[in-house]
């Protein structure tokens, strides 16, 4: 199962952590893992390119073998909140049809 934890501080998003594999299908054919992966990498890349967040202000790590990605912002900006809210919406949409393969939780940071 893929476990997603979204980090929030009040109404602001600070980041997220994704870990695990969905086991929906074999590696290379797993649409749930692919969907979560593209959502996660889109946020990571968009923080710099779209939101203008300096990479030095992002604590992030990735381990594709274990299905782990962590993103934590040191400084919150309105654009980053939009990106994280969009990520949250994408995960919630996946939960509608694949809840046995993915979970969503929240952590106050």
C-alpha atoms as a PDB file:
ATOM      1  CA  UNK A   1       0.000   0.000   0.000  1.00  0.00           C
ATOM      2  CA  UNK A   2       1.121   3.542  -0.734  1.00  0.00           C
ATOM      3  CA  UNK A   3       0.958   5.733   2.353  1.00  0.00           C
ATOM      4  CA  UNK A   4       0.645   9.482   1.790  1.00  0.00           C
ATOM      5  CA  UNK A   5       1.031  11.916   4.687  1.00  0.00           C
ATOM      6  CA  UNK A   6       0.470  15.612   4.012  1.00  0.00           C
ATOM      7  CA  UNK A   7       2.226  18.033   6.357  1.00  0.00           C
ATOM      8  CA  UNK A   8       0.273  21.124   7.296  1.00  0.00           C
ATOM      9  CA  UNK A   9       0.741  24.096   9.561  1.00  0.00           C
ATOM     10  CA  UNK A  10      -2.727  25.467  10.212  1.00  0.00           C
ATOM     11  CA  UNK A  11      -4.272  26.148   6.800  1.00  0.00           C
ATOM     12  CA  UNK A  12      -0.900  26.111   5.044  1.00  0.00           C
ATOM     13  CA  UNK A  13       0.767  23.119   3.430  1.00  0.00           C
ATOM     14  CA  UNK A  14       4.407  22.430   4.313  1.00  0.00           C
ATOM     15  CA  UNK A  15       4.960  19.269   2.263  1.00  0.00           C
ATOM     16  CA  UNK A  16       4.233  15.575   2.071  1.00  0.00           C
ATOM     17  CA  UNK A  17       5.710  12.123   2.410  1.00  0.00           C
ATOM     18  CA  UNK A  18       4.905   9.187   0.146  1.00  0.00           C
ATOM     19  CA  UNK A  19       6.114   5.682   0.875  1.00  0.00           C
ATOM     20  CA  UNK A  20       5.515   2.186  -0.358  1.00  0.00           C
ATOM     21  CA  UNK A  21       4.180   0.511  -3.458  1.00  0.00           C
ATOM     22  CA  UNK A  22       0.525  -0.112  -4.218  1.00  0.00           C
ATOM     23  CA  UNK A  23       0.834  -3.723  -5.461  1.00  0.00           C
ATOM     24  CA  UNK A  24      -2.099  -2.970  -7.763  1.00  0.00           C
ATOM     25  CA  UNK A  25      -0.220  -4.597 -10.620  1.00  0.00           C
ATOM     26  CA  UNK A  26       3.304  -5.756 -11.469  1.00  0.00           C
ATOM     27  CA  UNK A  27       6.129  -3.241 -11.723  1.00  0.00           C
ATOM     28  CA  UNK A  28       5.897  -1.332 -14.982  1.00  0.00           C
ATOM     29  CA  UNK A  29       2.133  -1.842 -15.237  1.00  0.00           C
ATOM     30  CA  UNK A  30       0.998  -0.379 -11.920  1.00  0.00           C
ATOM     31  CA  UNK A  31      -1.254   2.579 -12.724  1.00  0.00           C
ATOM     32  CA  UNK A  32      -1.706   3.521  -9.056  1.00  0.00           C
ATOM     33  CA  UNK A  33       2.044   3.803  -8.445  1.00  0.00           C
ATOM     34  CA  UNK A  34       2.427   5.688 -11.722  1.00  0.00           C
ATOM     35  CA  UNK A  35      -0.315   8.160 -10.805  1.00  0.00           C
ATOM     36  CA  UNK A  36       1.111   8.888  -7.346  1.00  0.00           C
ATOM     37  CA  UNK A  37       4.598   9.159  -8.788  1.00  0.00           C
ATOM     38  CA  UNK A  38       3.622  11.688 -11.458  1.00  0.00           C
ATOM     39  CA  UNK A  39       1.668  13.760  -8.932  1.00  0.00           C
ATOM     40  CA  UNK A  40       4.648  13.782  -6.554  1.00  0.00           C
ATOM     41  CA  UNK A  41       7.301  14.615  -9.144  1.00  0.00           C
ATOM     42  CA  UNK A  42       5.093  17.311 -10.666  1.00  0.00           C
ATOM     43  CA  UNK A  43       4.903  19.074  -7.305  1.00  0.00           C
ATOM     44  CA  UNK A  44       8.644  18.762  -6.709  1.00  0.00           C
ATOM     45  CA  UNK A  45       9.535  20.219 -10.104  1.00  0.00           C
ATOM     46  CA  UNK A  46       6.773  22.840 -10.053  1.00  0.00           C
ATOM     47  CA  UNK A  47       7.880  24.228  -6.701  1.00  0.00           C
ATOM     48  CA  UNK A  48      10.980  25.597  -8.391  1.00  0.00           C
ATOM     49  CA  UNK A  49       9.746  26.228 -11.943  1.00  0.00           C
ATOM     50  CA  UNK A  50       6.192  27.468 -11.302  1.00  0.00           C
ATOM     51  CA  UNK A  51       6.221  28.735  -7.699  1.00  0.00           C
ATOM     52  CA  UNK A  52       9.769  30.107  -7.801  1.00  0.00           C
ATOM     53  CA  UNK A  53      10.813  28.364  -4.582  1.00  0.00           C
ATOM     54  CA  UNK A  54      14.574  28.209  -4.184  1.00  0.00           C
ATOM     55  CA  UNK A  55      15.806  24.595  -4.077  1.00  0.00           C
ATOM     56  CA  UNK A  56      17.762  25.475  -0.935  1.00  0.00           C
ATOM     57  CA  UNK A  57      14.403  26.078   0.781  1.00  0.00           C
ATOM     58  CA  UNK A  58      13.142  22.565   0.008  1.00  0.00           C
ATOM     59  CA  UNK A  59      14.102  19.586   2.156  1.00  0.00           C
ATOM     60  CA  UNK A  60      13.482  16.670  -0.198  1.00  0.00           C
ATOM     61  CA  UNK A  61      14.596  13.107  -0.749  1.00  0.00           C
ATOM     62  CA  UNK A  62      13.636  10.285  -3.084  1.00  0.00           C
ATOM     63  CA  UNK A  63      14.220   6.531  -3.052  1.00  0.00           C
ATOM     64  CA  UNK A  64      12.492   5.029  -6.080  1.00  0.00           C
ATOM     65  CA  UNK A  65      13.328   1.466  -5.034  1.00  0.00           C
ATOM     66  CA  UNK A  66      11.256   1.744  -1.842  1.00  0.00           C
ATOM     67  CA  UNK A  67       8.712   4.171  -3.291  1.00  0.00           C
ATOM     68  CA  UNK A  68       9.726   6.963  -0.918  1.00  0.00           C
ATOM     69  CA  UNK A  69       9.515  10.707  -1.527  1.00  0.00           C
ATOM     70  CA  UNK A  70       9.593  13.471   1.048  1.00  0.00           C
ATOM     71  CA  UNK A  71       9.164  17.173   0.400  1.00  0.00           C
ATOM     72  CA  UNK A  72       9.197  19.711   3.223  1.00  0.00           C
ATOM     73  CA  UNK A  73       9.328  23.468   2.674  1.00  0.00           C
ATOM     74  CA  UNK A  74      11.211  25.761   4.988  1.00  0.00           C
ATOM     75  CA  UNK A  75       9.160  28.757   3.782  1.00  0.00           C
ATOM     76  CA  UNK A  76       5.518  28.663   2.726  1.00  0.00           C
ATOM     77  CA  UNK A  77       4.297  30.789  -0.180  1.00  0.00           C
ATOM     78  CA  UNK A  78       0.837  31.124  -1.791  1.00  0.00           C
ATOM     79  CA  UNK A  79       1.992  29.316  -4.945  1.00  0.00           C
ATOM     80  CA  UNK A  80       3.298  26.330  -3.008  1.00  0.00           C
ATOM     81  CA  UNK A  81      -0.044  26.040  -1.209  1.00  0.00           C
ATOM     82  CA  UNK A  82      -1.773  25.800  -4.591  1.00  0.00           C
ATOM     83  CA  UNK A  83       0.600  23.049  -5.715  1.00  0.00           C
ATOM     84  CA  UNK A  84       0.171  21.031  -2.509  1.00  0.00           C
ATOM     85  CA  UNK A  85      -3.619  21.485  -2.594  1.00  0.00           C
ATOM     86  CA  UNK A  86      -3.617  20.196  -6.181  1.00  0.00           C
ATOM     87  CA  UNK A  87      -1.526  17.187  -5.060  1.00  0.00           C
ATOM     88  CA  UNK A  88      -4.022  16.536  -2.250  1.00  0.00           C
ATOM     89  CA  UNK A  89      -6.924  16.697  -4.702  1.00  0.00           C
ATOM     90  CA  UNK A  90      -5.201  14.210  -7.018  1.00  0.00           C
ATOM     91  CA  UNK A  91      -4.600  11.777  -4.154  1.00  0.00           C
ATOM     92  CA  UNK A  92      -8.237  12.100  -3.051  1.00  0.00           C
ATOM     93  CA  UNK A  93      -9.388  11.333  -6.593  1.00  0.00           C
ATOM     94  CA  UNK A  94      -7.249   8.183  -6.577  1.00  0.00           C
ATOM     95  CA  UNK A  95      -8.761   7.191  -3.240  1.00  0.00           C
ATOM     96  CA  UNK A  96     -12.231   7.175  -4.797  1.00  0.00           C
ATOM     97  CA  UNK A  97     -11.383   4.111  -6.910  1.00  0.00           C
ATOM     98  CA  UNK A  98      -8.228   2.649  -5.379  1.00  0.00           C
ATOM     99  CA  UNK A  99      -8.635   3.032  -1.608  1.00  0.00           C
ATOM    100  CA  UNK A 100      -7.362  -0.501  -0.995  1.00  0.00           C
ATOM    101  CA  UNK A 101      -4.003   0.514  -2.560  1.00  0.00           C
ATOM    102  CA  UNK A 102      -3.432   3.998  -1.139  1.00  0.00           C
ATOM    103  CA  UNK A 103      -4.011   5.822   2.153  1.00  0.00           C
ATOM    104  CA  UNK A 104      -4.018   9.527   3.047  1.00  0.00           C
ATOM    105  CA  UNK A 105      -3.289  11.046   6.422  1.00  0.00           C
ATOM    106  CA  UNK A 106      -2.322  14.466   7.748  1.00  0.00           C
ATOM    107  CA  UNK A 107       0.360  15.652  10.155  1.00  0.00           C
ATOM    108  CA  UNK A 108       0.481  19.039  11.855  1.00  0.00           C
ATOM    109  CA  UNK A 109       4.040  20.401  11.690  1.00  0.00           C
END
